[in-house]
Amino acid sequence: MFQALPQYSEQMVKLSIHVDIARKINSIVCETGLRDVEQLEQDLVFGNAGIKEVIEFRRAHPVRLLRIYAATHPEKFEGDKLTEILE
């Protein structure tokens, strides 16, 4: 009954597109290890992690942490400062 309505079909197409986009984003998050960053961030906010966990993460992912810092504090990396640090 509902499938015969043009509006239903249109909404199902849109839903399918959104589900596909969500799957792709989830795949990228898993492949790039962003879940680790997300978990550390959440643990820090809720007090379940401290400086020890940040140091451990920094040792395991130094470039990633630097990129996150640079993205959130662009004023600290004016000019070629980031390039100099990464070399």
PDB file of N, CA and C in Angstrom:
ATOM      1  N   MET A   1       0.809  -1.184   0.000  1.00  0.00           N
ATOM      2  CA  MET A   1       0.000   0.000   0.000  1.00  0.00           C
ATOM      3  C   MET A   1       0.865   1.265   0.000  1.00  0.00           C
ATOM      4  N   PHE A   2       1.822   1.364   0.983  1.00  0.00           N
ATOM      5  CA  PHE A   2       2.674   2.543   1.050  1.00  0.00           C
ATOM      6  C   PHE A   2       3.663   2.589  -0.108  1.00  0.00           C
ATOM      7  N   GLN A   3       4.124   1.403  -0.560  1.00  0.00           N
ATOM      8  CA  GLN A   3       5.091   1.365  -1.643  1.00  0.00           C
ATOM      9  C   GLN A   3       4.557   2.001  -2.920  1.00  0.00           C
ATOM     10  N   ALA A   4       3.264   2.039  -3.102  1.00  0.00           N
ATOM     11  CA  ALA A   4       2.659   2.603  -4.311  1.00  0.00           C
ATOM     12  C   ALA A   4       2.693   4.130  -4.305  1.00  0.00           C
ATOM     13  N   LEU A   5       2.900   4.727  -3.163  1.00  0.00           N
ATOM     14  CA  LEU A   5       2.916   6.182  -3.080  1.00  0.00           C
ATOM     15  C   LEU A   5       4.256   6.728  -3.575  1.00  0.00           C
ATOM     16  N   PRO A   6       4.248   7.705  -4.463  1.00  0.00           N
ATOM     17  CA  PRO A   6       5.497   8.268  -4.989  1.00  0.00           C
ATOM     18  C   PRO A   6       6.368   8.883  -3.891  1.00  0.00           C
ATOM     19  N   GLN A   7       5.748   9.500  -2.915  1.00  0.00           N
ATOM     20  CA  GLN A   7       6.495  10.121  -1.827  1.00  0.00           C
ATOM     21  C   GLN A   7       7.252   9.063  -1.020  1.00  0.00           C
ATOM     22  N   TYR A   8       6.648   7.921  -0.800  1.00  0.00           N
ATOM     23  CA  TYR A   8       7.297   6.825  -0.074  1.00  0.00           C
ATOM     24  C   TYR A   8       8.540   6.375  -0.821  1.00  0.00           C
ATOM     25  N   SER A   9       8.411   6.167  -2.115  1.00  0.00           N
ATOM     26  CA  SER A   9       9.545   5.721  -2.930  1.00  0.00           C
ATOM     27  C   SER A   9      10.675   6.741  -2.891  1.00  0.00           C
ATOM     28  N   GLU A  10      10.335   8.000  -2.971  1.00  0.00           N
ATOM     29  CA  GLU A  10      11.332   9.069  -2.932  1.00  0.00           C
ATOM     30  C   GLU A  10      12.058   9.083  -1.586  1.00  0.00           C
ATOM     31  N   GLN A  11      11.317   8.929  -0.511  1.00  0.00           N
ATOM     32  CA  GLN A  11      11.922   8.909   0.822  1.00  0.00           C
ATOM     33  C   GLN A  11      12.810   7.685   1.016  1.00  0.00           C
ATOM     34  N   MET A  12      12.420   6.565   0.457  1.00  0.00           N
ATOM     35  CA  MET A  12      13.240   5.355   0.567  1.00  0.00           C
ATOM     36  C   MET A  12      14.565   5.523  -0.180  1.00  0.00           C
ATOM     37  N   VAL A  13      14.541   6.182  -1.324  1.00  0.00           N
ATOM     38  CA  VAL A  13      15.770   6.454  -2.074  1.00  0.00           C
ATOM     39  C   VAL A  13      16.685   7.355  -1.248  1.00  0.00           C
ATOM     40  N   LYS A  14      16.129   8.405  -0.663  1.00  0.00           N
ATOM     41  CA  LYS A  14      16.917   9.316   0.172  1.00  0.00           C
ATOM     42  C   LYS A  14      17.486   8.599   1.391  1.00  0.00           C
ATOM     43  N   LEU A  15      16.688   7.756   2.015  1.00  0.00           N
ATOM     44  CA  LEU A  15      17.153   6.993   3.169  1.00  0.00           C
ATOM     45  C   LEU A  15      18.301   6.080   2.776  1.00  0.00           C
ATOM     46  N   SER A  16      18.177   5.423   1.656  1.00  0.00           N
ATOM     47  CA  SER A  16      19.219   4.528   1.171  1.00  0.00           C
ATOM     48  C   SER A  16      20.529   5.281   0.943  1.00  0.00           C
ATOM     49  N   ILE A  17      20.436   6.470   0.387  1.00  0.00           N
ATOM     50  CA  ILE A  17      21.630   7.294   0.162  1.00  0.00           C
ATOM     51  C   ILE A  17      22.277   7.658   1.493  1.00  0.00           C
ATOM     52  N   HIS A  18      21.477   8.059   2.470  1.00  0.00           N
ATOM     53  CA  HIS A  18      22.016   8.432   3.778  1.00  0.00           C
ATOM     54  C   HIS A  18      22.652   7.238   4.490  1.00  0.00           C
ATOM     55  N   VAL A  19      22.047   6.091   4.384  1.00  0.00           N
ATOM     56  CA  VAL A  19      22.609   4.884   4.997  1.00  0.00           C
ATOM     57  C   VAL A  19      23.947   4.550   4.347  1.00  0.00           C
ATOM     58  N   ASP A  20      24.035   4.685   3.032  1.00  0.00           N
ATOM     59  CA  ASP A  20      25.282   4.421   2.319  1.00  0.00           C
ATOM     60  C   ASP A  20      26.377   5.396   2.752  1.00  0.00           C
ATOM     61  N   ILE A  21      26.040   6.667   2.890  1.00  0.00           N
ATOM     62  CA  ILE A  21      27.008   7.667   3.353  1.00  0.00           C
ATOM     63  C   ILE A  21      27.479   7.332   4.765  1.00  0.00           C
ATOM     64  N   ALA A  22      26.569   6.963   5.641  1.00  0.00           N
ATOM     65  CA  ALA A  22      26.928   6.609   7.020  1.00  0.00           C
ATOM     66  C   ALA A  22      27.861   5.404   7.052  1.00  0.00           C
ATOM     67  N   ARG A  23      27.614   4.415   6.204  1.00  0.00           N
ATOM     68  CA  ARG A  23      28.496   3.243   6.132  1.00  0.00           C
ATOM     69  C   ARG A  23      29.899   3.639   5.696  1.00  0.00           C
ATOM     70  N   LYS A  24      29.982   4.502   4.694  1.00  0.00           N
ATOM     71  CA  LYS A  24      31.293   4.943   4.201  1.00  0.00           C
ATOM     72  C   LYS A  24      32.051   5.716   5.265  1.00  0.00           C
ATOM     73  N   ILE A  25      31.364   6.597   5.966  1.00  0.00           N
ATOM     74  CA  ILE A  25      32.004   7.361   7.036  1.00  0.00           C
ATOM     75  C   ILE A  25      32.485   6.428   8.135  1.00  0.00           C
ATOM     76  N   ASN A  26      31.666   5.477   8.529  1.00  0.00           N
ATOM     77  CA  ASN A  26      32.049   4.517   9.558  1.00  0.00           C
ATOM     78  C   ASN A  26      33.267   3.715   9.122  1.00  0.00           C
ATOM     79  N   SER A  27      33.316   3.335   7.871  1.00  0.00           N
ATOM     80  CA  SER A  27      34.451   2.585   7.343  1.00  0.00           C
ATOM     81  C   SER A  27      35.731   3.416   7.428  1.00  0.00           C
ATOM     82  N   ILE A  28      35.646   4.688   7.064  1.00  0.00           N
ATOM     83  CA  ILE A  28      36.812   5.573   7.129  1.00  0.00           C
ATOM     84  C   ILE A  28      37.263   5.759   8.572  1.00  0.00           C
ATOM     85  N   VAL A  29      36.313   5.940   9.473  1.00  0.00           N
ATOM     86  CA  VAL A  29      36.635   6.106  10.894  1.00  0.00           C
ATOM     87  C   VAL A  29      37.370   4.873  11.416  1.00  0.00           C
ATOM     88  N   CYS A  30      36.908   3.696  11.044  1.00  0.00           N
ATOM     89  CA  CYS A  30      37.543   2.453  11.489  1.00  0.00           C
ATOM     90  C   CYS A  30      38.933   2.289  10.874  1.00  0.00           C
ATOM     91  N   GLU A  31      39.060   2.564   9.583  1.00  0.00           N
ATOM     92  CA  GLU A  31      40.335   2.389   8.886  1.00  0.00           C
ATOM     93  C   GLU A  31      41.410   3.343   9.387  1.00  0.00           C
ATOM     94  N   THR A  32      41.038   4.557   9.720  1.00  0.00           N
ATOM     95  CA  THR A  32      42.022   5.558  10.120  1.00  0.00           C
ATOM     96  C   THR A  32      42.306   5.558  11.617  1.00  0.00           C
ATOM     97  N   GLY A  33      41.585   4.763  12.371  1.00  0.00           N
ATOM     98  CA  GLY A  33      41.823   4.693  13.807  1.00  0.00           C
ATOM     99  C   GLY A  33      41.258   5.879  14.575  1.00  0.00           C
ATOM    100  N   LEU A  34      40.313   6.575  13.998  1.00  0.00           N
ATOM    101  CA  LEU A  34      39.725   7.720  14.695  1.00  0.00           C
ATOM    102  C   LEU A  34      38.960   7.313  15.946  1.00  0.00           C
ATOM    103  N   ARG A  35      38.573   6.068  16.023  1.00  0.00           N
ATOM    104  CA  ARG A  35      37.876   5.604  17.233  1.00  0.00           C
ATOM    105  C   ARG A  35      38.800   5.704  18.454  1.00  0.00           C
ATOM    106  N   ASP A  36      40.101   5.477  18.243  1.00  0.00           N
ATOM    107  CA  ASP A  36      41.054   5.601  19.348  1.00  0.00           C
ATOM    108  C   ASP A  36      41.104   7.037  19.864  1.00  0.00           C
ATOM    109  N   VAL A  37      41.144   7.985  18.936  1.00  0.00           N
ATOM    110  CA  VAL A  37      41.164   9.398  19.310  1.00  0.00           C
ATOM    111  C   VAL A  37      39.864   9.763  20.019  1.00  0.00           C
ATOM    112  N   GLU A  38      38.770   9.315  19.450  1.00  0.00           N
ATOM    113  CA  GLU A  38      37.451   9.589  20.028  1.00  0.00           C
ATOM    114  C   GLU A  38      37.343   9.030  21.445  1.00  0.00           C
ATOM    115  N   GLN A  39      37.832   7.826  21.639  1.00  0.00           N
ATOM    116  CA  GLN A  39      37.744   7.198  22.954  1.00  0.00           C
ATOM    117  C   GLN A  39      38.605   7.937  23.971  1.00  0.00           C
ATOM    118  N   LEU A  40      39.827   8.310  23.577  1.00  0.00           N
ATOM    119  CA  LEU A  40      40.691   9.059  24.487  1.00  0.00           C
ATOM    120  C   LEU A  40      40.055  10.399  24.842  1.00  0.00           C
ATOM    121  N   GLU A  41      39.518  11.078  23.850  1.00  0.00           N
ATOM    122  CA  GLU A  41      38.857  12.356  24.088  1.00  0.00           C
ATOM    123  C   GLU A  41      37.700  12.197  25.074  1.00  0.00           C
ATOM    124  N   GLN A  42      36.891  11.201  24.863  1.00  0.00           N
ATOM    125  CA  GLN A  42      35.749  10.968  25.749  1.00  0.00           C
ATOM    126  C   GLN A  42      36.223  10.611  27.158  1.00  0.00           C
ATOM    127  N   ASP A  43      37.246   9.779  27.258  1.00  0.00           N
ATOM    128  CA  ASP A  43      37.768   9.406  28.570  1.00  0.00           C
ATOM    129  C   ASP A  43      38.334  10.619  29.308  1.00  0.00           C
ATOM    130  N   LEU A  44      38.986  11.516  28.572  1.00  0.00           N
ATOM    131  CA  LEU A  44      39.514  12.729  29.200  1.00  0.00           C
ATOM    132  C   LEU A  44      38.387  13.618  29.715  1.00  0.00           C
ATOM    133  N   VAL A  45      37.365  13.791  28.909  1.00  0.00           N
ATOM    134  CA  VAL A  45      36.241  14.652  29.286  1.00  0.00           C
ATOM    135  C   VAL A  45      35.548  14.134  30.538  1.00  0.00           C
ATOM    136  N   PHE A  46      35.374  12.816  30.630  1.00  0.00           N
ATOM    137  CA  PHE A  46      34.645  12.242  31.762  1.00  0.00           C
ATOM    138  C   PHE A  46      35.551  11.836  32.922  1.00  0.00           C
ATOM    139  N   GLY A  47      36.830  12.165  32.832  1.00  0.00           N
ATOM    140  CA  GLY A  47      37.742  11.897  33.929  1.00  0.00           C
ATOM    141  C   GLY A  47      38.190  10.460  34.046  1.00  0.00           C
ATOM    142  N   ASN A  48      37.996   9.667  32.997  1.00  0.00           N
ATOM    143  CA  ASN A  48      38.418   8.268  33.024  1.00  0.00           C
ATOM    144  C   ASN A  48      39.820   8.079  32.466  1.00  0.00           C
ATOM    145  N   ALA A  49      40.460   9.162  32.053  1.00  0.00           N
ATOM    146  CA  ALA A  49      41.830   9.109  31.550  1.00  0.00           C
ATOM    147  C   ALA A  49      42.541  10.357  32.044  1.00  0.00           C
ATOM    148  N   GLY A  50      43.841  10.245  32.107  1.00  0.00           N
ATOM    149  CA  GLY A  50      44.641  11.376  32.558  1.00  0.00           C
ATOM    150  C   GLY A  50      45.862  11.546  31.687  1.00  0.00           C
ATOM    151  N   ILE A  51      46.850  12.202  32.247  1.00  0.00           N
ATOM    152  CA  ILE A  51      48.063  12.506  31.491  1.00  0.00           C
ATOM    153  C   ILE A  51      48.785  11.236  31.045  1.00  0.00           C
ATOM    154  N   LYS A  52      48.706  10.180  31.848  1.00  0.00           N
ATOM    155  CA  LYS A  52      49.361   8.915  31.489  1.00  0.00           C
ATOM    156  C   LYS A  52      48.836   8.394  30.150  1.00  0.00           C
ATOM    157  N   GLU A  53      47.528   8.413  29.981  1.00  0.00           N
ATOM    158  CA  GLU A  53      46.927   7.924  28.735  1.00  0.00           C
ATOM    159  C   GLU A  53      47.268   8.834  27.554  1.00  0.00           C
ATOM    160  N   VAL A  54      47.334  10.135  27.809  1.00  0.00           N
ATOM    161  CA  VAL A  54      47.712  11.070  26.740  1.00  0.00           C
ATOM    162  C   VAL A  54      49.148  10.807  26.305  1.00  0.00           C
ATOM    163  N   ILE A  55      50.036  10.588  27.266  1.00  0.00           N
ATOM    164  CA  ILE A  55      51.441  10.304  26.939  1.00  0.00           C
ATOM    165  C   ILE A  55      51.553   8.998  26.171  1.00  0.00           C
ATOM    166  N   GLU A  56      50.827   7.975  26.597  1.00  0.00           N
ATOM    167  CA  GLU A  56      50.856   6.697  25.872  1.00  0.00           C
ATOM    168  C   GLU A  56      50.347   6.870  24.445  1.00  0.00           C
ATOM    169  N   PHE A  57      49.280   7.631  24.281  1.00  0.00           N
ATOM    170  CA  PHE A  57      48.739   7.876  22.942  1.00  0.00           C
ATOM    171  C   PHE A  57      49.740   8.665  22.114  1.00  0.00           C
ATOM    172  N   ARG A  58      50.376   9.640  22.735  1.00  0.00           N
ATOM    173  CA  ARG A  58      51.365  10.458  22.026  1.00  0.00           C
ATOM    174  C   ARG A  58      52.523   9.613  21.537  1.00  0.00           C
ATOM    175  N   ARG A  59      52.958   8.689  22.342  1.00  0.00           N
ATOM    176  CA  ARG A  59      54.062   7.805  21.934  1.00  0.00           C
ATOM    177  C   ARG A  59      53.657   6.904  20.773  1.00  0.00           C
ATOM    178  N   ALA A  60      52.421   6.446  20.793  1.00  0.00           N
ATOM    179  CA  ALA A  60      51.944   5.545  19.744  1.00  0.00           C
ATOM    180  C   ALA A  60      51.571   6.296  18.468  1.00  0.00           C
ATOM    181  N   HIS A  61      51.125   7.538  18.592  1.00  0.00           N
ATOM    182  CA  HIS A  61      50.617   8.295  17.436  1.00  0.00           C
ATOM    183  C   HIS A  61      51.104   9.746  17.467  1.00  0.00           C
ATOM    184  N   PRO A  62      52.415   9.988  17.413  1.00  0.00           N
ATOM    185  CA  PRO A  62      52.892  11.371  17.559  1.00  0.00           C
ATOM    186  C   PRO A  62      52.448  12.307  16.433  1.00  0.00           C
ATOM    187  N   VAL A  63      52.504  11.848  15.201  1.00  0.00           N
ATOM    188  CA  VAL A  63      52.138  12.719  14.080  1.00  0.00           C
ATOM    189  C   VAL A  63      50.641  13.004  14.093  1.00  0.00           C
ATOM    190  N   ARG A  64      49.853  11.990  14.401  1.00  0.00           N
ATOM    191  CA  ARG A  64      48.398  12.179  14.461  1.00  0.00           C
ATOM    192  C   ARG A  64      48.041  13.212  15.526  1.00  0.00           C
ATOM    193  N   LEU A  65      48.644  13.119  16.680  1.00  0.00           N
ATOM    194  CA  LEU A  65      48.351  14.061  17.754  1.00  0.00           C
ATOM    195  C   LEU A  65      48.767  15.475  17.359  1.00  0.00           C
ATOM    196  N   LEU A  66      49.904  15.600  16.688  1.00  0.00           N
ATOM    197  CA  LEU A  66      50.357  16.907  16.228  1.00  0.00           C
ATOM    198  C   LEU A  66      49.389  17.491  15.203  1.00  0.00           C
ATOM    199  N   ARG A  67      48.897  16.655  14.311  1.00  0.00           N
ATOM    200  CA  ARG A  67      47.932  17.125  13.307  1.00  0.00           C
ATOM    201  C   ARG A  67      46.627  17.579  13.960  1.00  0.00           C
ATOM    202  N   ILE A  68      46.173  16.839  14.961  1.00  0.00           N
ATOM    203  CA  ILE A  68      44.950  17.228  15.673  1.00  0.00           C
ATOM    204  C   ILE A  68      45.162  18.571  16.360  1.00  0.00           C
ATOM    205  N   TYR A  69      46.311  18.722  17.007  1.00  0.00           N
ATOM    206  CA  TYR A  69      46.617  19.980  17.690  1.00  0.00           C
ATOM    207  C   TYR A  69      46.693  21.129  16.690  1.00  0.00           C
ATOM    208  N   ALA A  70      47.345  20.889  15.564  1.00  0.00           N
ATOM    209  CA  ALA A  70      47.471  21.926  14.536  1.00  0.00           C
ATOM    210  C   ALA A  70      46.109  22.313  13.969  1.00  0.00           C
ATOM    211  N   ALA A  71      45.227  21.336  13.816  1.00  0.00           N
ATOM    212  CA  ALA A  71      43.890  21.615  13.283  1.00  0.00           C
ATOM    213  C   ALA A  71      43.049  22.422  14.263  1.00  0.00           C
ATOM    214  N   THR A  72      43.271  22.211  15.554  1.00  0.00           N
ATOM    215  CA  THR A  72      42.467  22.907  16.553  1.00  0.00           C
ATOM    216  C   THR A  72      43.110  24.202  17.045  1.00  0.00           C
ATOM    217  N   HIS A  73      44.408  24.385  16.738  1.00  0.00           N
ATOM    218  CA  HIS A  73      45.124  25.603  17.144  1.00  0.00           C
ATOM    219  C   HIS A  73      45.944  26.145  15.967  1.00  0.00           C
ATOM    220  N   PRO A  74      45.303  26.532  14.872  1.00  0.00           N
ATOM    221  CA  PRO A  74      46.046  26.963  13.682  1.00  0.00           C
ATOM    222  C   PRO A  74      46.917  28.193  13.924  1.00  0.00           C
ATOM    223  N   GLU A  75      46.542  29.023  14.882  1.00  0.00           N
ATOM    224  CA  GLU A  75      47.327  30.226  15.161  1.00  0.00           C
ATOM    225  C   GLU A  75      48.730  29.901  15.677  1.00  0.00           C
ATOM    226  N   LYS A  76      48.908  28.716  16.230  1.00  0.00           N
ATOM    227  CA  LYS A  76      50.218  28.297  16.744  1.00  0.00           C
ATOM    228  C   LYS A  76      51.156  27.854  15.620  1.00  0.00           C
ATOM    229  N   PHE A  77      50.610  27.652  14.428  1.00  0.00           N
ATOM    230  CA  PHE A  77      51.394  27.105  13.324  1.00  0.00           C
ATOM    231  C   PHE A  77      51.344  28.016  12.101  1.00  0.00           C
ATOM    232  N   GLU A  78      51.556  29.296  12.327  1.00  0.00           N
ATOM    233  CA  GLU A  78      51.548  30.238  11.216  1.00  0.00           C
ATOM    234  C   GLU A  78      52.797  30.049  10.366  1.00  0.00           C
ATOM    235  N   GLY A  79      52.665  30.323   9.090  1.00  0.00           N
ATOM    236  CA  GLY A  79      53.800  30.209   8.183  1.00  0.00           C
ATOM    237  C   GLY A  79      54.222  28.766   7.989  1.00  0.00           C
ATOM    238  N   ASP A  80      55.525  28.526   8.097  1.00  0.00           N
ATOM    239  CA  ASP A  80      56.086  27.197   7.852  1.00  0.00           C
ATOM    240  C   ASP A  80      56.421  26.447   9.139  1.00  0.00           C
ATOM    241  N   LYS A  81      55.866  26.874  10.268  1.00  0.00           N
ATOM    242  CA  LYS A  81      56.199  26.237  11.546  1.00  0.00           C
ATOM    243  C   LYS A  81      55.863  24.749  11.556  1.00  0.00           C
ATOM    244  N   LEU A  82      54.696  24.372  11.034  1.00  0.00           N
ATOM    245  CA  LEU A  82      54.297  22.965  11.031  1.00  0.00           C
ATOM    246  C   LEU A  82      55.230  22.147  10.156  1.00  0.00           C
ATOM    247  N   THR A  83      55.595  22.667   9.004  1.00  0.00           N
ATOM    248  CA  THR A  83      56.518  21.961   8.114  1.00  0.00           C
ATOM    249  C   THR A  83      57.861  21.764   8.793  1.00  0.00           C
ATOM    250  N   GLU A  84      58.343  22.782   9.484  1.00  0.00           N
ATOM    251  CA  GLU A  84      59.619  22.684  10.195  1.00  0.00           C
ATOM    252  C   GLU A  84      59.558  21.617  11.283  1.00  0.00           C
ATOM    253  N   ILE A  85      58.471  21.566  12.007  1.00  0.00           N
ATOM    254  CA  ILE A  85      58.329  20.588  13.090  1.00  0.00           C
ATOM    255  C   ILE A  85      58.296  19.168  12.545  1.00  0.00           C
ATOM    256  N   LEU A  86      57.598  18.971  11.435  1.00  0.00           N
ATOM    257  CA  LEU A  86      57.458  17.625  10.875  1.00  0.00           C
ATOM    258  C   LEU A  86      58.732  17.113  10.219  1.00  0.00           C
ATOM    259  N   GLU A  87      59.670  18.002   9.905  1.00  0.00           N
ATOM    260  CA  GLU A  87      60.915  17.558   9.249  1.00  0.00           C
ATOM    261  C   GLU A  87      61.941  17.053  10.216  1.00  0.00           C
TER     262      GLU A  87
END
